[in-house]
Amino acid sequence: MPLARADLESLLRTRRLDRTLTTTLALPDPADEYAIGPTGVTTLDARLGGGFPRGQLSELVGPRSSGRTSLLLQMLATATARGELVALVDALDMFDVESAAAAGVDLDRLLWIRGHVAASPGLCGDMNQRAMEQAVRALALVLQAGNFGLVAFDAAGAPGEALRRLPFTTWLRLQRMVEGRQTICVLVGDGPMARSSAGLTVRLAARGGKAGRGLDVEVRIVRARARQHEHVCLSLSTTCA
């Protein structure tokens, strides 16, 4: 017989998981630099209330050529310009150093962890799954180390099966690791991964323009635990999609 809601919430509180799943979070104060980190895209930051929240697991998702990589590079560049250290767990080893430098990322402040997940693993599905698990473990180690203003886990292009086979508790555990820290943790992918564990999800969809010159982007902002959904259209000056 299923647990009643009150019993379930009591159990979650006992295991210190209630904040992750059942608590409605207040929006961060846009004037508090310890609560938020600007993306560097003025229009988007205005709609986000200043930027991405620190101490929460967030998501930046969209299909290929939606502007997700450009926005990630802008976030890395803005964070390093503030003098912060940043880390990128690059699950598929797709990071383009030249594009990052052109976007203004201070590479001396970037920890780049290269993974070996394959977009098309063929018959090596089990090896690919282990590679994904190793990438997640690397993310956990970086979060535990602290001292990073922004930590990104880029799994864009990864096989959906490799992500779906990760235990759901993976995202709960990562959320618990980042809570109370001044770190922005962002999962980057084709679609949402963390589900209810993510405090903020930014979904991108290209509306027009040409990658490399400029892109009109439709953004859907979902604050799962603040019970808010927003839409906004903006233009990005992009070096990649």
C-alpha atoms as a PDB file:
ATOM      1  CA  MET A   1       0.000   0.000   0.000  1.00  0.00           C
ATOM      2  CA  PRO A   2       1.531   3.362  -0.991  1.00  0.00           C
ATOM      3  CA  LEU A   3       2.681   5.708   1.739  1.00  0.00           C
ATOM      4  CA  ALA A   4       0.455   8.684   2.409  1.00  0.00           C
ATOM      5  CA  ARG A   5       2.015  12.054   1.469  1.00  0.00           C
ATOM      6  CA  ALA A   6       2.532  13.022   5.122  1.00  0.00           C
ATOM      7  CA  ASP A   7       4.290   9.725   5.851  1.00  0.00           C
ATOM      8  CA  LEU A   8       6.494  10.117   2.775  1.00  0.00           C
ATOM      9  CA  GLU A   9       7.494  13.671   3.666  1.00  0.00           C
ATOM     10  CA  SER A  10       8.256  12.575   7.229  1.00  0.00           C
ATOM     11  CA  LEU A  11      10.501   9.821   5.889  1.00  0.00           C
ATOM     12  CA  LEU A  12      12.269  12.287   3.576  1.00  0.00           C
ATOM     13  CA  ARG A  13      12.887  14.673   6.467  1.00  0.00           C
ATOM     14  CA  THR A  14      14.354  11.829   8.489  1.00  0.00           C
ATOM     15  CA  ARG A  15      16.769  11.066   5.654  1.00  0.00           C
ATOM     16  CA  ARG A  16      17.401  14.786   5.057  1.00  0.00           C
ATOM     17  CA  LEU A  17      15.938  14.682   1.554  1.00  0.00           C
ATOM     18  CA  ASP A  18      12.899  16.861   2.198  1.00  0.00           C
ATOM     19  CA  ARG A  19      14.563  20.056   0.948  1.00  0.00           C
ATOM     20  CA  THR A  20      15.357  18.370  -2.340  1.00  0.00           C
ATOM     21  CA  LEU A  21      11.875  17.164  -3.193  1.00  0.00           C
ATOM     22  CA  THR A  22       9.182  18.808  -1.116  1.00  0.00           C
ATOM     23  CA  THR A  23      10.323  22.283  -0.109  1.00  0.00           C
ATOM     24  CA  THR A  24       9.287  25.299  -2.160  1.00  0.00           C
ATOM     25  CA  LEU A  25      12.414  27.425  -2.510  1.00  0.00           C
ATOM     26  CA  ALA A  26      12.356  31.207  -2.378  1.00  0.00           C
ATOM     27  CA  LEU A  27      13.805  32.997  -5.389  1.00  0.00           C
ATOM     28  CA  PRO A  28      17.368  34.264  -4.853  1.00  0.00           C
ATOM     29  CA  ASP A  29      17.994  37.933  -4.155  1.00  0.00           C
ATOM     30  CA  PRO A  30      19.352  39.444  -7.424  1.00  0.00           C
ATOM     31  CA  ALA A  31      21.427  41.908  -5.392  1.00  0.00           C
ATOM     32  CA  ASP A  32      23.187  39.135  -3.466  1.00  0.00           C
ATOM     33  CA  GLU A  33      26.311  38.048  -5.368  1.00  0.00           C
ATOM     34  CA  TYR A  34      26.632  35.106  -2.988  1.00  0.00           C
ATOM     35  CA  ALA A  35      23.191  33.830  -3.993  1.00  0.00           C
ATOM     36  CA  ILE A  36      23.326  34.172  -7.785  1.00  0.00           C
ATOM     37  CA  GLY A  37      25.853  34.276 -10.609  1.00  0.00           C
ATOM     38  CA  PRO A  38      25.061  36.267 -13.779  1.00  0.00           C
ATOM     39  CA  THR A  39      25.282  34.465 -17.117  1.00  0.00           C
ATOM     40  CA  GLY A  40      26.523  37.592 -18.861  1.00  0.00           C
ATOM     41  CA  VAL A  41      23.461  37.695 -21.164  1.00  0.00           C
ATOM     42  CA  THR A  42      21.632  40.775 -19.906  1.00  0.00           C
ATOM     43  CA  THR A  43      18.166  39.846 -21.172  1.00  0.00           C
ATOM     44  CA  LEU A  44      18.330  36.359 -19.740  1.00  0.00           C
ATOM     45  CA  ASP A  45      19.758  37.512 -16.405  1.00  0.00           C
ATOM     46  CA  ALA A  46      16.885  39.966 -16.065  1.00  0.00           C
ATOM     47  CA  ARG A  47      14.368  37.154 -16.440  1.00  0.00           C
ATOM     48  CA  LEU A  48      16.324  34.827 -14.157  1.00  0.00           C
ATOM     49  CA  GLY A  49      16.378  37.402 -11.382  1.00  0.00           C
ATOM     50  CA  GLY A  50      20.084  38.101 -11.767  1.00  0.00           C
ATOM     51  CA  GLY A  51      21.437  34.792 -13.023  1.00  0.00           C
ATOM     52  CA  PHE A  52      21.747  31.145 -12.040  1.00  0.00           C
ATOM     53  CA  PRO A  53      21.283  30.320  -8.343  1.00  0.00           C
ATOM     54  CA  ARG A  54      24.256  29.205  -6.291  1.00  0.00           C
ATOM     55  CA  GLY A  55      23.894  26.168  -4.073  1.00  0.00           C
ATOM     56  CA  GLN A  56      21.415  24.501  -6.426  1.00  0.00           C
ATOM     57  CA  LEU A  57      21.525  21.917  -9.182  1.00  0.00           C
ATOM     58  CA  SER A  58      20.402  23.593 -12.414  1.00  0.00           C
ATOM     59  CA  GLU A  59      20.001  22.497 -16.028  1.00  0.00           C
ATOM     60  CA  LEU A  60      20.759  24.086 -19.381  1.00  0.00           C
ATOM     61  CA  VAL A  61      19.125  21.995 -22.078  1.00  0.00           C
ATOM     62  CA  GLY A  62      18.201  22.109 -25.740  1.00  0.00           C
ATOM     63  CA  PRO A  63      18.771  20.339 -29.046  1.00  0.00           C
ATOM     64  CA  ARG A  64      21.865  20.779 -31.180  1.00  0.00           C
ATOM     65  CA  SER A  65      22.201  24.322 -32.599  1.00  0.00           C
ATOM     66  CA  SER A  66      19.869  25.723 -29.928  1.00  0.00           C
ATOM     67  CA  GLY A  67      22.541  27.980 -28.423  1.00  0.00           C
ATOM     68  CA  ARG A  68      23.263  25.817 -25.373  1.00  0.00           C
ATOM     69  CA  THR A  69      27.033  25.656 -25.986  1.00  0.00           C
ATOM     70  CA  SER A  70      27.253  29.385 -26.654  1.00  0.00           C
ATOM     71  CA  LEU A  71      25.409  30.139 -23.427  1.00  0.00           C
ATOM     72  CA  LEU A  72      27.632  27.726 -21.495  1.00  0.00           C
ATOM     73  CA  LEU A  73      30.760  29.442 -22.851  1.00  0.00           C
ATOM     74  CA  GLN A  74      29.282  32.838 -21.949  1.00  0.00           C
ATOM     75  CA  MET A  75      28.662  31.619 -18.401  1.00  0.00           C
ATOM     76  CA  LEU A  76      32.220  30.293 -18.111  1.00  0.00           C
ATOM     77  CA  ALA A  77      33.638  33.551 -19.484  1.00  0.00           C
ATOM     78  CA  THR A  78      31.533  35.684 -17.128  1.00  0.00           C
ATOM     79  CA  ALA A  79      32.527  33.604 -14.099  1.00  0.00           C
ATOM     80  CA  THR A  80      36.248  33.702 -14.896  1.00  0.00           C
ATOM     81  CA  ALA A  81      35.999  37.451 -15.511  1.00  0.00           C
ATOM     82  CA  ARG A  82      34.717  37.738 -11.931  1.00  0.00           C
ATOM     83  CA  GLY A  83      37.910  36.005 -10.833  1.00  0.00           C
ATOM     84  CA  GLU A  84      36.210  32.703 -10.031  1.00  0.00           C
ATOM     85  CA  LEU A  85      37.556  29.238 -10.707  1.00  0.00           C
ATOM     86  CA  VAL A  86      35.359  27.124 -12.970  1.00  0.00           C
ATOM     87  CA  ALA A  87      35.274  23.420 -13.838  1.00  0.00           C
ATOM     88  CA  LEU A  88      33.896  21.574 -16.841  1.00  0.00           C
ATOM     89  CA  VAL A  89      33.279  17.830 -16.820  1.00  0.00           C
ATOM     90  CA  ASP A  90      33.228  17.203 -20.570  1.00  0.00           C
ATOM     91  CA  ALA A  91      31.607  13.783 -20.764  1.00  0.00           C
ATOM     92  CA  LEU A  92      31.954  13.367 -24.552  1.00  0.00           C
ATOM     93  CA  ASP A  93      35.281  15.242 -24.891  1.00  0.00           C
ATOM     94  CA  MET A  94      33.722  17.816 -27.235  1.00  0.00           C
ATOM     95  CA  PHE A  95      35.041  21.031 -25.656  1.00  0.00           C
ATOM     96  CA  ASP A  96      36.606  23.413 -28.202  1.00  0.00           C
ATOM     97  CA  VAL A  97      39.418  25.363 -26.528  1.00  0.00           C
ATOM     98  CA  GLU A  98      39.691  27.897 -29.357  1.00  0.00           C
ATOM     99  CA  SER A  99      35.965  28.691 -29.207  1.00  0.00           C
ATOM    100  CA  ALA A 100      36.192  29.066 -25.430  1.00  0.00           C
ATOM    101  CA  ALA A 101      39.115  31.480 -25.700  1.00  0.00           C
ATOM    102  CA  ALA A 102      37.279  33.459 -28.403  1.00  0.00           C
ATOM    103  CA  ALA A 103      34.253  33.685 -26.082  1.00  0.00           C
ATOM    104  CA  GLY A 104      36.449  35.216 -23.377  1.00  0.00           C
ATOM    105  CA  VAL A 105      36.953  32.228 -21.071  1.00  0.00           C
ATOM    106  CA  ASP A 106      40.111  32.632 -18.970  1.00  0.00           C
ATOM    107  CA  LEU A 107      41.582  29.184 -19.543  1.00  0.00           C
ATOM    108  CA  ASP A 108      43.981  29.603 -16.610  1.00  0.00           C
ATOM    109  CA  ARG A 109      40.937  29.524 -14.320  1.00  0.00           C
ATOM    110  CA  LEU A 110      39.343  26.496 -15.970  1.00  0.00           C
ATOM    111  CA  LEU A 111      39.633  22.879 -14.823  1.00  0.00           C
ATOM    112  CA  TRP A 112      38.775  20.736 -17.868  1.00  0.00           C
ATOM    113  CA  ILE A 113      38.007  17.078 -17.153  1.00  0.00           C
ATOM    114  CA  ARG A 114      37.802  15.078 -20.364  1.00  0.00           C
ATOM    115  CA  GLY A 115      35.491  12.088 -20.516  1.00  0.00           C
ATOM    116  CA  HIS A 116      35.196   9.307 -23.053  1.00  0.00           C
ATOM    117  CA  VAL A 117      31.469   8.740 -23.480  1.00  0.00           C
ATOM    118  CA  ALA A 118      30.655   7.935 -27.125  1.00  0.00           C
ATOM    119  CA  ALA A 119      27.627   9.418 -28.870  1.00  0.00           C
ATOM    120  CA  SER A 120      27.291   6.188 -30.904  1.00  0.00           C
ATOM    121  CA  PRO A 121      28.746   3.366 -28.811  1.00  0.00           C
ATOM    122  CA  GLY A 122      27.636   0.561 -31.140  1.00  0.00           C
ATOM    123  CA  LEU A 123      28.161  -2.778 -29.423  1.00  0.00           C
ATOM    124  CA  CYS A 124      30.156  -1.194 -26.571  1.00  0.00           C
ATOM    125  CA  GLY A 125      27.138  -0.076 -24.578  1.00  0.00           C
ATOM    126  CA  ASP A 126      28.421  -1.430 -21.271  1.00  0.00           C
ATOM    127  CA  MET A 127      31.761   0.353 -21.657  1.00  0.00           C
ATOM    128  CA  ASN A 128      29.917   3.533 -22.535  1.00  0.00           C
ATOM    129  CA  GLN A 129      27.768   3.201 -19.436  1.00  0.00           C
ATOM    130  CA  ARG A 130      30.872   2.875 -17.273  1.00  0.00           C
ATOM    131  CA  ALA A 131      32.306   5.959 -18.965  1.00  0.00           C
ATOM    132  CA  MET A 132      29.158   7.916 -18.066  1.00  0.00           C
ATOM    133  CA  GLU A 133      29.343   6.718 -14.471  1.00  0.00           C
ATOM    134  CA  GLN A 134      32.992   7.779 -14.308  1.00  0.00           C
ATOM    135  CA  ALA A 135      32.070  11.234 -15.588  1.00  0.00           C
ATOM    136  CA  VAL A 136      29.419  11.571 -12.870  1.00  0.00           C
ATOM    137  CA  ARG A 137      31.936  10.476 -10.234  1.00  0.00           C
ATOM    138  CA  ALA A 138      34.329  13.139 -11.505  1.00  0.00           C
ATOM    139  CA  LEU A 139      31.559  15.726 -11.129  1.00  0.00           C
ATOM    140  CA  ALA A 140      30.939  14.589  -7.555  1.00  0.00           C
ATOM    141  CA  LEU A 141      34.653  14.865  -6.698  1.00  0.00           C
ATOM    142  CA  VAL A 142      34.811  18.414  -8.067  1.00  0.00           C
ATOM    143  CA  LEU A 143      31.744  19.449  -6.070  1.00  0.00           C
ATOM    144  CA  GLN A 144      33.205  17.911  -2.930  1.00  0.00           C
ATOM    145  CA  ALA A 145      36.467  19.791  -3.463  1.00  0.00           C
ATOM    146  CA  GLY A 146      34.668  23.143  -3.433  1.00  0.00           C
ATOM    147  CA  ASN A 147      36.353  26.457  -4.362  1.00  0.00           C
ATOM    148  CA  PHE A 148      34.632  26.600  -7.761  1.00  0.00           C
ATOM    149  CA  GLY A 149      32.186  29.360  -8.632  1.00  0.00           C
ATOM    150  CA  LEU A 150      30.739  27.381 -11.545  1.00  0.00           C
ATOM    151  CA  VAL A 151      30.828  23.657 -12.236  1.00  0.00           C
ATOM    152  CA  ALA A 152      29.305  22.365 -15.477  1.00  0.00           C
ATOM    153  CA  PHE A 153      28.597  18.778 -16.475  1.00  0.00           C
ATOM    154  CA  ASP A 154      28.276  18.675 -20.264  1.00  0.00           C
ATOM    155  CA  ALA A 155      26.544  15.502 -21.456  1.00  0.00           C
ATOM    156  CA  ALA A 156      25.038  17.042 -24.602  1.00  0.00           C
ATOM    157  CA  GLY A 157      24.896  14.452 -27.364  1.00  0.00           C
ATOM    158  CA  ALA A 158      25.183  11.511 -24.974  1.00  0.00           C
ATOM    159  CA  PRO A 159      22.961   8.475 -25.667  1.00  0.00           C
ATOM    160  CA  GLY A 160      19.732   8.800 -23.750  1.00  0.00           C
ATOM    161  CA  GLU A 161      20.053   5.223 -22.526  1.00  0.00           C
ATOM    162  CA  ALA A 162      23.328   5.979 -20.750  1.00  0.00           C
ATOM    163  CA  LEU A 163      21.678   8.801 -18.842  1.00  0.00           C
ATOM    164  CA  ARG A 164      18.468   6.896 -18.096  1.00  0.00           C
ATOM    165  CA  ARG A 165      20.427   3.994 -16.617  1.00  0.00           C
ATOM    166  CA  LEU A 166      21.949   6.254 -13.988  1.00  0.00           C
ATOM    167  CA  PRO A 167      20.148   5.794 -10.645  1.00  0.00           C
ATOM    168  CA  PHE A 168      17.700   8.597  -9.891  1.00  0.00           C
ATOM    169  CA  THR A 169      19.466   9.027  -6.544  1.00  0.00           C
ATOM    170  CA  THR A 170      22.477  10.273  -8.531  1.00  0.00           C
ATOM    171  CA  TRP A 171      20.860  13.684  -8.925  1.00  0.00           C
ATOM    172  CA  LEU A 172      19.576  13.777  -5.350  1.00  0.00           C
ATOM    173  CA  ARG A 173      23.113  13.120  -4.115  1.00  0.00           C
ATOM    174  CA  LEU A 174      24.598  15.844  -6.314  1.00  0.00           C
ATOM    175  CA  GLN A 175      21.963  18.326  -5.141  1.00  0.00           C
ATOM    176  CA  ARG A 176      22.856  17.568  -1.547  1.00  0.00           C
ATOM    177  CA  MET A 177      26.549  18.116  -2.329  1.00  0.00           C
ATOM    178  CA  VAL A 178      26.031  21.579  -3.763  1.00  0.00           C
ATOM    179  CA  GLU A 179      23.536  22.847  -1.177  1.00  0.00           C
ATOM    180  CA  GLY A 180      24.927  25.513   1.105  1.00  0.00           C
ATOM    181  CA  ARG A 181      27.870  26.224  -1.202  1.00  0.00           C
ATOM    182  CA  GLN A 182      28.528  29.251  -3.387  1.00  0.00           C
ATOM    183  CA  THR A 183      28.849  26.996  -6.421  1.00  0.00           C
ATOM    184  CA  ILE A 184      26.582  27.095  -9.451  1.00  0.00           C
ATOM    185  CA  CYS A 185      26.211  23.529 -10.710  1.00  0.00           C
ATOM    186  CA  VAL A 186      24.789  23.221 -14.224  1.00  0.00           C
ATOM    187  CA  LEU A 187      23.923  20.052 -16.131  1.00  0.00           C
ATOM    188  CA  VAL A 188      24.071  20.583 -19.904  1.00  0.00           C
ATOM    189  CA  GLY A 189      22.260  18.180 -22.203  1.00  0.00           C
ATOM    190  CA  ASP A 190      19.752  17.528 -24.936  1.00  0.00           C
ATOM    191  CA  GLY A 191      16.923  17.359 -22.410  1.00  0.00           C
ATOM    192  CA  PRO A 192      16.284  17.509 -18.656  1.00  0.00           C
ATOM    193  CA  MET A 193      18.210  14.947 -16.622  1.00  0.00           C
ATOM    194  CA  ALA A 194      17.715  15.714 -12.946  1.00  0.00           C
ATOM    195  CA  ARG A 195      13.943  16.156 -13.066  1.00  0.00           C
ATOM    196  CA  SER A 196      12.634  17.289  -9.648  1.00  0.00           C
ATOM    197  CA  SER A 197      16.175  17.484  -8.271  1.00  0.00           C
ATOM    198  CA  ALA A 198      16.908  20.561 -10.401  1.00  0.00           C
ATOM    199  CA  GLY A 199      15.898  23.877  -8.876  1.00  0.00           C
ATOM    200  CA  LEU A 200      16.140  25.673 -12.218  1.00  0.00           C
ATOM    201  CA  THR A 201      15.889  24.408 -15.793  1.00  0.00           C
ATOM    202  CA  VAL A 202      16.584  26.673 -18.775  1.00  0.00           C
ATOM    203  CA  ARG A 203      15.372  25.165 -22.061  1.00  0.00           C
ATOM    204  CA  LEU A 204      16.662  26.660 -25.304  1.00  0.00           C
ATOM    205  CA  ALA A 205      15.198  26.420 -28.789  1.00  0.00           C
ATOM    206  CA  ALA A 206      16.575  28.219 -31.850  1.00  0.00           C
ATOM    207  CA  ARG A 207      14.129  30.519 -33.620  1.00  0.00           C
ATOM    208  CA  GLY A 208      16.323  31.814 -36.448  1.00  0.00           C
ATOM    209  CA  GLY A 209      19.640  33.374 -37.331  1.00  0.00           C
ATOM    210  CA  LYS A 210      22.829  31.603 -38.236  1.00  0.00           C
ATOM    211  CA  ALA A 211      25.106  29.805 -35.798  1.00  0.00           C
ATOM    212  CA  GLY A 212      28.452  31.542 -35.535  1.00  0.00           C
ATOM    213  CA  ARG A 213      26.958  34.984 -36.309  1.00  0.00           C
ATOM    214  CA  GLY A 214      23.948  35.340 -34.123  1.00  0.00           C
ATOM    215  CA  LEU A 215      20.980  33.311 -32.951  1.00  0.00           C
ATOM    216  CA  ASP A 216      17.459  34.174 -31.912  1.00  0.00           C
ATOM    217  CA  VAL A 217      16.621  31.878 -29.041  1.00  0.00           C
ATOM    218  CA  GLU A 218      13.381  31.003 -27.310  1.00  0.00           C
ATOM    219  CA  VAL A 219      13.995  30.295 -23.640  1.00  0.00           C
ATOM    220  CA  ARG A 220      11.695  28.461 -21.282  1.00  0.00           C
ATOM    221  CA  ILE A 221      12.559  28.892 -17.608  1.00  0.00           C
ATOM    222  CA  VAL A 222      11.234  26.287 -15.201  1.00  0.00           C
ATOM    223  CA  ARG A 223      11.711  26.743 -11.456  1.00  0.00           C
ATOM    224  CA  ALA A 224      10.492  23.349 -10.313  1.00  0.00           C
ATOM    225  CA  ARG A 225      10.465  23.959  -6.581  1.00  0.00           C
ATOM    226  CA  ALA A 226       9.411  27.592  -6.804  1.00  0.00           C
ATOM    227  CA  ARG A 227       6.412  26.530  -8.943  1.00  0.00           C
ATOM    228  CA  GLN A 228       7.192  29.014 -11.741  1.00  0.00           C
ATOM    229  CA  HIS A 229       7.305  28.726 -15.551  1.00  0.00           C
ATOM    230  CA  GLU A 230       8.351  31.585 -17.846  1.00  0.00           C
ATOM    231  CA  HIS A 231       9.006  32.137 -21.541  1.00  0.00           C
ATOM    232  CA  VAL A 232      11.305  34.733 -23.095  1.00  0.00           C
ATOM    233  CA  CYS A 233      12.834  35.320 -26.529  1.00  0.00           C
ATOM    234  CA  LEU A 234      16.311  36.788 -26.841  1.00  0.00           C
ATOM    235  CA  SER A 235      19.218  37.077 -29.243  1.00  0.00           C
ATOM    236  CA  LEU A 236      22.650  35.568 -28.647  1.00  0.00           C
ATOM    237  CA  SER A 237      25.864  36.507 -30.360  1.00  0.00           C
ATOM    238  CA  THR A 238      27.289  33.055 -30.855  1.00  0.00           C
ATOM    239  CA  THR A 239      30.588  31.452 -31.747  1.00  0.00           C
ATOM    240  CA  CYS A 240      29.015  27.992 -31.765  1.00  0.00           C
ATOM    241  CA  ALA A 241      25.620  26.420 -31.255  1.00  0.00           C
END
